[in-house]
C-alpha atoms as a PDB file:
ATOM      1  CA  UNK A   1     -19.679 -51.598 -68.022  1.00  0.00           C
ATOM      2  CA  UNK A   2     -16.342 -50.770 -66.383  1.00  0.00           C
ATOM      3  CA  UNK A   3     -13.191 -52.765 -65.672  1.00  0.00           C
ATOM      4  CA  UNK A   4     -10.287 -52.568 -63.263  1.00  0.00           C
ATOM      5  CA  UNK A   5      -7.088 -54.415 -64.156  1.00  0.00           C
ATOM      6  CA  UNK A   6      -4.582 -55.530 -61.519  1.00  0.00           C
ATOM      7  CA  UNK A   7      -2.032 -58.118 -60.494  1.00  0.00           C
ATOM      8  CA  UNK A   8      -3.186 -61.175 -58.587  1.00  0.00           C
ATOM      9  CA  UNK A   9      -1.435 -59.828 -55.471  1.00  0.00           C
ATOM     10  CA  UNK A  10      -3.476 -56.614 -55.682  1.00  0.00           C
ATOM     11  CA  UNK A  11      -6.660 -58.617 -56.198  1.00  0.00           C
ATOM     12  CA  UNK A  12      -6.018 -60.798 -53.138  1.00  0.00           C
ATOM     13  CA  UNK A  13      -5.187 -57.712 -51.089  1.00  0.00           C
ATOM     14  CA  UNK A  14      -8.483 -56.134 -52.194  1.00  0.00           C
ATOM     15  CA  UNK A  15     -10.361 -59.250 -51.031  1.00  0.00           C
ATOM     16  CA  UNK A  16      -8.570 -59.312 -47.690  1.00  0.00           C
ATOM     17  CA  UNK A  17      -9.184 -55.614 -47.042  1.00  0.00           C
ATOM     18  CA  UNK A  18     -12.716 -55.545 -48.451  1.00  0.00           C
ATOM     19  CA  UNK A  19     -11.851 -52.210 -49.989  1.00  0.00           C
ATOM     20  CA  UNK A  20     -10.882 -50.331 -53.143  1.00  0.00           C
ATOM     21  CA  UNK A  21      -7.510 -48.583 -53.238  1.00  0.00           C
ATOM     22  CA  UNK A  22      -7.338 -44.871 -54.128  1.00  0.00           C
ATOM     23  CA  UNK A  23      -3.956 -43.388 -55.015  1.00  0.00           C
ATOM     24  CA  UNK A  24      -2.794 -39.880 -54.155  1.00  0.00           C
ATOM     25  CA  UNK A  25      -2.470 -37.829 -57.366  1.00  0.00           C
ATOM     26  CA  UNK A  26       1.204 -36.788 -56.874  1.00  0.00           C
ATOM     27  CA  UNK A  27       2.092 -40.503 -56.834  1.00  0.00           C
ATOM     28  CA  UNK A  28       1.227 -40.663 -60.556  1.00  0.00           C
ATOM     29  CA  UNK A  29       4.085 -38.338 -61.520  1.00  0.00           C
ATOM     30  CA  UNK A  30       6.289 -41.243 -62.662  1.00  0.00           C
ATOM     31  CA  UNK A  31       3.745 -42.413 -65.255  1.00  0.00           C
ATOM     32  CA  UNK A  32       2.248 -39.017 -66.192  1.00  0.00           C
ATOM     33  CA  UNK A  33       4.040 -35.850 -65.037  1.00  0.00           C
ATOM     34  CA  UNK A  34       0.987 -33.790 -66.091  1.00  0.00           C
ATOM     35  CA  UNK A  35      -1.503 -35.718 -63.950  1.00  0.00           C
ATOM     36  CA  UNK A  36      -3.562 -33.233 -61.983  1.00  0.00           C
ATOM     37  CA  UNK A  37      -1.550 -30.173 -63.006  1.00  0.00           C
ATOM     38  CA  UNK A  38      -3.167 -26.766 -63.473  1.00  0.00           C
ATOM     39  CA  UNK A  39      -2.759 -26.684 -67.261  1.00  0.00           C
ATOM     40  CA  UNK A  40      -0.447 -27.160 -70.218  1.00  0.00           C
ATOM     41  CA  UNK A  41      -0.155 -26.550 -73.941  1.00  0.00           C
ATOM     42  CA  UNK A  42      -0.773 -23.408 -75.956  1.00  0.00           C
ATOM     43  CA  UNK A  43      -2.171 -20.125 -74.717  1.00  0.00           C
ATOM     44  CA  UNK A  44       0.513 -18.765 -72.400  1.00  0.00           C
ATOM     45  CA  UNK A  45      -0.392 -15.182 -73.243  1.00  0.00           C
ATOM     46  CA  UNK A  46      -4.105 -15.725 -72.549  1.00  0.00           C
ATOM     47  CA  UNK A  47      -3.259 -17.448 -69.288  1.00  0.00           C
ATOM     48  CA  UNK A  48      -1.183 -14.498 -68.066  1.00  0.00           C
ATOM     49  CA  UNK A  49      -3.758 -11.972 -69.316  1.00  0.00           C
ATOM     50  CA  UNK A  50      -6.529 -13.733 -67.394  1.00  0.00           C
ATOM     51  CA  UNK A  51      -4.607 -13.653 -64.107  1.00  0.00           C
ATOM     52  CA  UNK A  52      -3.652 -10.029 -64.606  1.00  0.00           C
ATOM     53  CA  UNK A  53      -7.327  -9.109 -65.052  1.00  0.00           C
ATOM     54  CA  UNK A  54      -8.353 -11.155 -62.028  1.00  0.00           C
ATOM     55  CA  UNK A  55      -5.617  -9.575 -59.945  1.00  0.00           C
ATOM     56  CA  UNK A  56      -6.720  -6.074 -60.945  1.00  0.00           C
ATOM     57  CA  UNK A  57     -10.310  -6.967 -60.102  1.00  0.00           C
ATOM     58  CA  UNK A  58      -9.811  -8.701 -56.765  1.00  0.00           C
ATOM     59  CA  UNK A  59      -6.126  -8.529 -55.825  1.00  0.00           C
ATOM     60  CA  UNK A  60      -6.359  -5.425 -53.641  1.00  0.00           C
ATOM     61  CA  UNK A  61      -3.115  -3.989 -55.027  1.00  0.00           C
ATOM     62  CA  UNK A  62      -1.226  -7.281 -55.150  1.00  0.00           C
ATOM     63  CA  UNK A  63       1.291  -7.777 -57.962  1.00  0.00           C
ATOM     64  CA  UNK A  64      -0.112 -10.107 -60.614  1.00  0.00           C
ATOM     65  CA  UNK A  65       2.852 -12.498 -60.355  1.00  0.00           C
ATOM     66  CA  UNK A  66       2.220 -12.915 -56.629  1.00  0.00           C
ATOM     67  CA  UNK A  67      -1.470 -13.450 -57.391  1.00  0.00           C
ATOM     68  CA  UNK A  68      -0.656 -16.133 -59.964  1.00  0.00           C
ATOM     69  CA  UNK A  69       1.791 -17.869 -57.640  1.00  0.00           C
ATOM     70  CA  UNK A  70      -0.868 -18.000 -54.915  1.00  0.00           C
ATOM     71  CA  UNK A  71      -3.227 -19.724 -57.345  1.00  0.00           C
ATOM     72  CA  UNK A  72      -0.580 -22.294 -58.227  1.00  0.00           C
ATOM     73  CA  UNK A  73       0.042 -22.954 -54.535  1.00  0.00           C
ATOM     74  CA  UNK A  74      -3.702 -23.312 -53.909  1.00  0.00           C
ATOM     75  CA  UNK A  75      -3.883 -25.801 -56.744  1.00  0.00           C
ATOM     76  CA  UNK A  76      -0.936 -27.780 -55.397  1.00  0.00           C
ATOM     77  CA  UNK A  77      -2.756 -28.144 -52.065  1.00  0.00           C
ATOM     78  CA  UNK A  78      -5.851 -29.422 -53.904  1.00  0.00           C
ATOM     79  CA  UNK A  79      -3.672 -31.818 -55.862  1.00  0.00           C
ATOM     80  CA  UNK A  80      -1.984 -33.223 -52.773  1.00  0.00           C
ATOM     81  CA  UNK A  81      -5.255 -33.835 -50.952  1.00  0.00           C
ATOM     82  CA  UNK A  82      -6.945 -35.657 -53.854  1.00  0.00           C
ATOM     83  CA  UNK A  83      -7.088 -39.444 -54.262  1.00  0.00           C
ATOM     84  CA  UNK A  84      -8.332 -41.219 -57.380  1.00  0.00           C
ATOM     85  CA  UNK A  85      -9.453 -44.635 -58.606  1.00  0.00           C
ATOM     86  CA  UNK A  86      -9.340 -45.297 -62.369  1.00  0.00           C
ATOM     87  CA  UNK A  87     -11.608 -47.618 -64.357  1.00  0.00           C
ATOM     88  CA  UNK A  88     -11.737 -48.604 -68.027  1.00  0.00           C
ATOM     89  CA  UNK A  89     -15.113 -48.081 -69.759  1.00  0.00           C
ATOM     90  CA  UNK A  90     -16.098 -50.621 -72.416  1.00  0.00           C
ATOM     91  CA  UNK A  91     -18.348 -53.610 -72.908  1.00  0.00           C
ATOM     92  CA  UNK A  92     -15.323 -55.805 -73.646  1.00  0.00           C
ATOM     93  CA  UNK A  93     -11.966 -56.424 -72.023  1.00  0.00           C
ATOM     94  CA  UNK A  94      -8.907 -54.732 -73.513  1.00  0.00           C
ATOM     95  CA  UNK A  95      -5.602 -56.338 -74.482  1.00  0.00           C
ATOM     96  CA  UNK A  96      -3.920 -52.945 -74.098  1.00  0.00           C
ATOM     97  CA  UNK A  97      -5.237 -52.556 -70.549  1.00  0.00           C
ATOM     98  CA  UNK A  98      -3.978 -56.021 -69.610  1.00  0.00           C
ATOM     99  CA  UNK A  99      -0.491 -55.074 -70.720  1.00  0.00           C
ATOM    100  CA  UNK A 100      -0.440 -51.519 -69.341  1.00  0.00           C
ATOM    101  CA  UNK A 101      -1.959 -51.965 -65.906  1.00  0.00           C
ATOM    102  CA  UNK A 102      -0.835 -55.373 -64.703  1.00  0.00           C
ATOM    103  CA  UNK A 103       2.805 -54.490 -64.032  1.00  0.00           C
ATOM    104  CA  UNK A 104       4.062 -56.838 -66.786  1.00  0.00           C
ATOM    105  CA  UNK A 105       2.683 -59.782 -64.790  1.00  0.00           C
ATOM    106  CA  UNK A 106       0.281 -61.117 -67.401  1.00  0.00           C
ATOM    107  CA  UNK A 107       0.758 -64.668 -66.165  1.00  0.00           C
ATOM    108  CA  UNK A 108      -1.050 -63.754 -62.922  1.00  0.00           C
ATOM    109  CA  UNK A 109      -3.150 -60.721 -63.882  1.00  0.00           C
ATOM    110  CA  UNK A 110      -6.827 -60.326 -63.049  1.00  0.00           C
ATOM    111  CA  UNK A 111      -9.599 -57.926 -64.086  1.00  0.00           C
ATOM    112  CA  UNK A 112     -12.851 -57.242 -62.286  1.00  0.00           C
ATOM    113  CA  UNK A 113     -15.968 -56.158 -64.156  1.00  0.00           C
ATOM    114  CA  UNK A 114     -18.841 -54.110 -62.768  1.00  0.00           C
ATOM    115  CA  UNK A 115     -21.088 -51.206 -63.748  1.00  0.00           C
ATOM    116  CA  UNK A 116     -20.973 -47.497 -63.064  1.00  0.00           C
ATOM    117  CA  UNK A 117     -24.237 -47.791 -61.125  1.00  0.00           C
ATOM    118  CA  UNK A 118     -22.908 -50.465 -58.778  1.00  0.00           C
ATOM    119  CA  UNK A 119     -19.680 -48.563 -58.210  1.00  0.00           C
ATOM    120  CA  UNK A 120     -21.586 -45.401 -57.334  1.00  0.00           C
ATOM    121  CA  UNK A 121     -23.923 -47.263 -55.005  1.00  0.00           C
ATOM    122  CA  UNK A 122     -21.079 -48.818 -53.013  1.00  0.00           C
ATOM    123  CA  UNK A 123     -18.931 -45.697 -52.827  1.00  0.00           C
ATOM    124  CA  UNK A 124     -21.811 -43.481 -51.718  1.00  0.00           C
ATOM    125  CA  UNK A 125     -22.196 -45.828 -48.743  1.00  0.00           C
ATOM    126  CA  UNK A 126     -18.526 -45.260 -47.906  1.00  0.00           C
ATOM    127  CA  UNK A 127     -19.205 -41.553 -47.232  1.00  0.00           C
ATOM    128  CA  UNK A 128     -15.972 -40.339 -48.790  1.00  0.00           C
ATOM    129  CA  UNK A 129     -15.094 -36.673 -48.283  1.00  0.00           C
ATOM    130  CA  UNK A 130     -15.723 -34.472 -51.356  1.00  0.00           C
ATOM    131  CA  UNK A 131     -16.272 -37.404 -53.706  1.00  0.00           C
ATOM    132  CA  UNK A 132     -16.709 -36.938 -57.462  1.00  0.00           C
ATOM    133  CA  UNK A 133     -17.361 -39.497 -60.210  1.00  0.00           C
ATOM    134  CA  UNK A 134     -17.125 -38.773 -63.927  1.00  0.00           C
ATOM    135  CA  UNK A 135     -15.613 -39.519 -67.304  1.00  0.00           C
ATOM    136  CA  UNK A 136     -12.147 -38.170 -68.009  1.00  0.00           C
ATOM    137  CA  UNK A 137     -12.055 -35.619 -70.843  1.00  0.00           C
ATOM    138  CA  UNK A 138      -9.148 -35.815 -73.276  1.00  0.00           C
ATOM    139  CA  UNK A 139      -8.097 -32.424 -74.620  1.00  0.00           C
ATOM    140  CA  UNK A 140      -5.227 -30.852 -76.511  1.00  0.00           C
ATOM    141  CA  UNK A 141      -3.754 -27.369 -76.730  1.00  0.00           C
ATOM    142  CA  UNK A 142      -5.457 -25.745 -73.781  1.00  0.00           C
ATOM    143  CA  UNK A 143      -3.636 -23.622 -71.264  1.00  0.00           C
ATOM    144  CA  UNK A 144      -5.696 -24.375 -68.205  1.00  0.00           C
ATOM    145  CA  UNK A 145      -8.212 -27.024 -67.322  1.00  0.00           C
ATOM    146  CA  UNK A 146     -10.388 -24.678 -65.306  1.00  0.00           C
ATOM    147  CA  UNK A 147     -10.116 -20.955 -64.601  1.00  0.00           C
ATOM    148  CA  UNK A 148     -10.679 -21.667 -60.945  1.00  0.00           C
ATOM    149  CA  UNK A 149      -9.406 -24.314 -58.561  1.00  0.00           C
ATOM    150  CA  UNK A 150     -12.156 -26.927 -58.686  1.00  0.00           C
ATOM    151  CA  UNK A 151     -12.181 -30.770 -58.748  1.00  0.00           C
ATOM    152  CA  UNK A 152     -12.981 -30.468 -62.469  1.00  0.00           C
ATOM    153  CA  UNK A 153      -9.238 -30.021 -62.999  1.00  0.00           C
ATOM    154  CA  UNK A 154      -8.623 -33.651 -62.065  1.00  0.00           C
ATOM    155  CA  UNK A 155     -10.921 -34.977 -64.794  1.00  0.00           C
ATOM    156  CA  UNK A 156      -8.831 -33.790 -67.753  1.00  0.00           C
ATOM    157  CA  UNK A 157      -5.924 -35.556 -69.423  1.00  0.00           C
ATOM    158  CA  UNK A 158      -3.916 -35.149 -72.587  1.00  0.00           C
ATOM    159  CA  UNK A 159      -5.322 -36.404 -75.887  1.00  0.00           C
ATOM    160  CA  UNK A 160      -2.596 -39.035 -76.036  1.00  0.00           C
ATOM    161  CA  UNK A 161      -4.323 -40.901 -73.169  1.00  0.00           C
ATOM    162  CA  UNK A 162      -7.653 -41.190 -74.974  1.00  0.00           C
ATOM    163  CA  UNK A 163      -7.224 -44.955 -75.392  1.00  0.00           C
ATOM    164  CA  UNK A 164      -7.758 -45.322 -71.616  1.00  0.00           C
ATOM    165  CA  UNK A 165     -11.506 -44.534 -71.860  1.00  0.00           C
ATOM    166  CA  UNK A 166     -11.312 -43.675 -68.182  1.00  0.00           C
ATOM    167  CA  UNK A 167     -14.025 -43.346 -65.611  1.00  0.00           C
ATOM    168  CA  UNK A 168     -12.519 -41.690 -62.571  1.00  0.00           C
ATOM    169  CA  UNK A 169     -13.550 -41.482 -58.932  1.00  0.00           C
ATOM    170  CA  UNK A 170     -11.922 -38.804 -56.796  1.00  0.00           C
ATOM    171  CA  UNK A 171     -12.193 -37.856 -53.141  1.00  0.00           C
ATOM    172  CA  UNK A 172     -10.127 -35.660 -50.853  1.00  0.00           C
ATOM    173  CA  UNK A 173      -8.214 -35.773 -47.605  1.00  0.00           C
ATOM    174  CA  UNK A 174     -10.208 -34.185 -44.821  1.00  0.00           C
ATOM    175  CA  UNK A 175      -7.250 -33.437 -42.543  1.00  0.00           C
ATOM    176  CA  UNK A 176      -5.838 -30.210 -44.019  1.00  0.00           C
ATOM    177  CA  UNK A 177      -2.876 -30.164 -41.612  1.00  0.00           C
ATOM    178  CA  UNK A 178      -1.439 -33.316 -43.203  1.00  0.00           C
ATOM    179  CA  UNK A 179      -1.738 -31.765 -46.647  1.00  0.00           C
ATOM    180  CA  UNK A 180      -0.088 -28.464 -45.683  1.00  0.00           C
ATOM    181  CA  UNK A 181       2.832 -30.449 -44.237  1.00  0.00           C
ATOM    182  CA  UNK A 182       2.941 -32.698 -47.338  1.00  0.00           C
ATOM    183  CA  UNK A 183       2.398 -35.719 -45.070  1.00  0.00           C
ATOM    184  CA  UNK A 184      -0.698 -37.085 -46.765  1.00  0.00           C
ATOM    185  CA  UNK A 185      -0.846 -40.841 -47.323  1.00  0.00           C
ATOM    186  CA  UNK A 186       0.289 -42.345 -50.636  1.00  0.00           C
ATOM    187  CA  UNK A 187      -3.046 -44.141 -50.865  1.00  0.00           C
ATOM    188  CA  UNK A 188      -6.323 -44.627 -49.056  1.00  0.00           C
ATOM    189  CA  UNK A 189      -8.869 -47.435 -48.810  1.00  0.00           C
ATOM    190  CA  UNK A 190     -12.610 -47.149 -49.375  1.00  0.00           C
ATOM    191  CA  UNK A 191     -14.540 -49.974 -47.722  1.00  0.00           C
ATOM    192  CA  UNK A 192     -17.115 -51.538 -50.051  1.00  0.00           C
ATOM    193  CA  UNK A 193     -19.204 -54.698 -50.286  1.00  0.00           C
ATOM    194  CA  UNK A 194     -17.307 -56.573 -52.987  1.00  0.00           C
ATOM    195  CA  UNK A 195     -20.083 -59.128 -53.401  1.00  0.00           C
ATOM    196  CA  UNK A 196     -22.427 -56.322 -54.407  1.00  0.00           C
ATOM    197  CA  UNK A 197     -19.824 -54.565 -56.527  1.00  0.00           C
ATOM    198  CA  UNK A 198     -18.151 -57.275 -58.617  1.00  0.00           C
ATOM    199  CA  UNK A 199     -20.100 -58.898 -61.436  1.00  0.00           C
ATOM    200  CA  UNK A 200     -17.231 -60.963 -62.848  1.00  0.00           C
ATOM    201  CA  UNK A 201     -13.606 -61.814 -62.154  1.00  0.00           C
ATOM    202  CA  UNK A 202     -11.665 -62.518 -65.345  1.00  0.00           C
ATOM    203  CA  UNK A 203      -8.188 -64.027 -65.654  1.00  0.00           C
ATOM    204  CA  UNK A 204      -5.590 -62.746 -68.078  1.00  0.00           C
ATOM    205  CA  UNK A 205      -5.381 -64.650 -71.387  1.00  0.00           C
ATOM    206  CA  UNK A 206      -1.802 -65.508 -70.338  1.00  0.00           C
ATOM    207  CA  UNK A 207      -2.719 -66.646 -66.814  1.00  0.00           C
ATOM    208  CA  UNK A 208      -0.685 -69.655 -65.614  1.00  0.00           C
ATOM    209  CA  UNK A 209      -3.174 -71.735 -63.671  1.00  0.00           C
ATOM    210  CA  UNK A 210      -0.715 -74.319 -62.353  1.00  0.00           C
ATOM    211  CA  UNK A 211       1.794 -71.742 -61.149  1.00  0.00           C
ATOM    212  CA  UNK A 212      -0.838 -69.673 -59.351  1.00  0.00           C
ATOM    213  CA  UNK A 213      -3.135 -72.383 -58.025  1.00  0.00           C
ATOM    214  CA  UNK A 214      -1.574 -72.691 -54.557  1.00  0.00           C
ATOM    215  CA  UNK A 215      -1.736 -68.919 -54.004  1.00  0.00           C
ATOM    216  CA  UNK A 216      -5.472 -68.832 -54.735  1.00  0.00           C
END
C-alpha cells in the first residue's frame, strides 16, 4: 500500500489533467540540498583515491582532478534530466505525512491510496523514458552513492529522512539539448487512468467540509 499526500488544489489539478506530476530533481534543493547529489559524508580520501585509480586506468594521460570534474559534470547532467514522484509506503495513513506534504493546508488536504502494482501498471502504459521504480535506501556516512553515474544514485537519501518510507518513481528527459542548456521543465506530467490507479481518496483529519464544499 502506498500513499500520496497533497493539497486539495493539487488533487483537483490531478483530476483535471488525468496525470501524475513528476518534479525535476534540482527543484528539491530548497527542502533537501543533498537530493540527487553524487555523495556526501565520510570517506573523502577513499573517494579521491578511487578517481585517481580510474583516471590512471582509463584517463589516457588526463589529470585526475580534470577526470573527477568531468564525472561531477556528467552527474549534474543526469540530475537535471531526472524527474521523480514520491510515495509513502505503509498500510496506514501518517499524521507526519499530512503535516509535511500538504503545505500547511491541513484544512483542505487530501491523500490518495493505491498499491505499488497498480502504480507500476499505469506508469508502464505511459511509456516514460528511462523509468525506474524502487524503494529509497537511507544511508549514513558514505562518500558516494554509486561509483558510476547510474539512476541508482537517485534512490539514496540521508538516514535522517528514514521516516518518509519512500517509494520513488524516476524517469528522464529525452531531449538532451534542453538539459545541456539547463532549460529542462520544472515538472512533467505522466498521463494515467486515475480510475484504475486510485483505490481510495482520504480527507485530512482537519478537513473543513463547509469551507471546501463549493470548490469540490
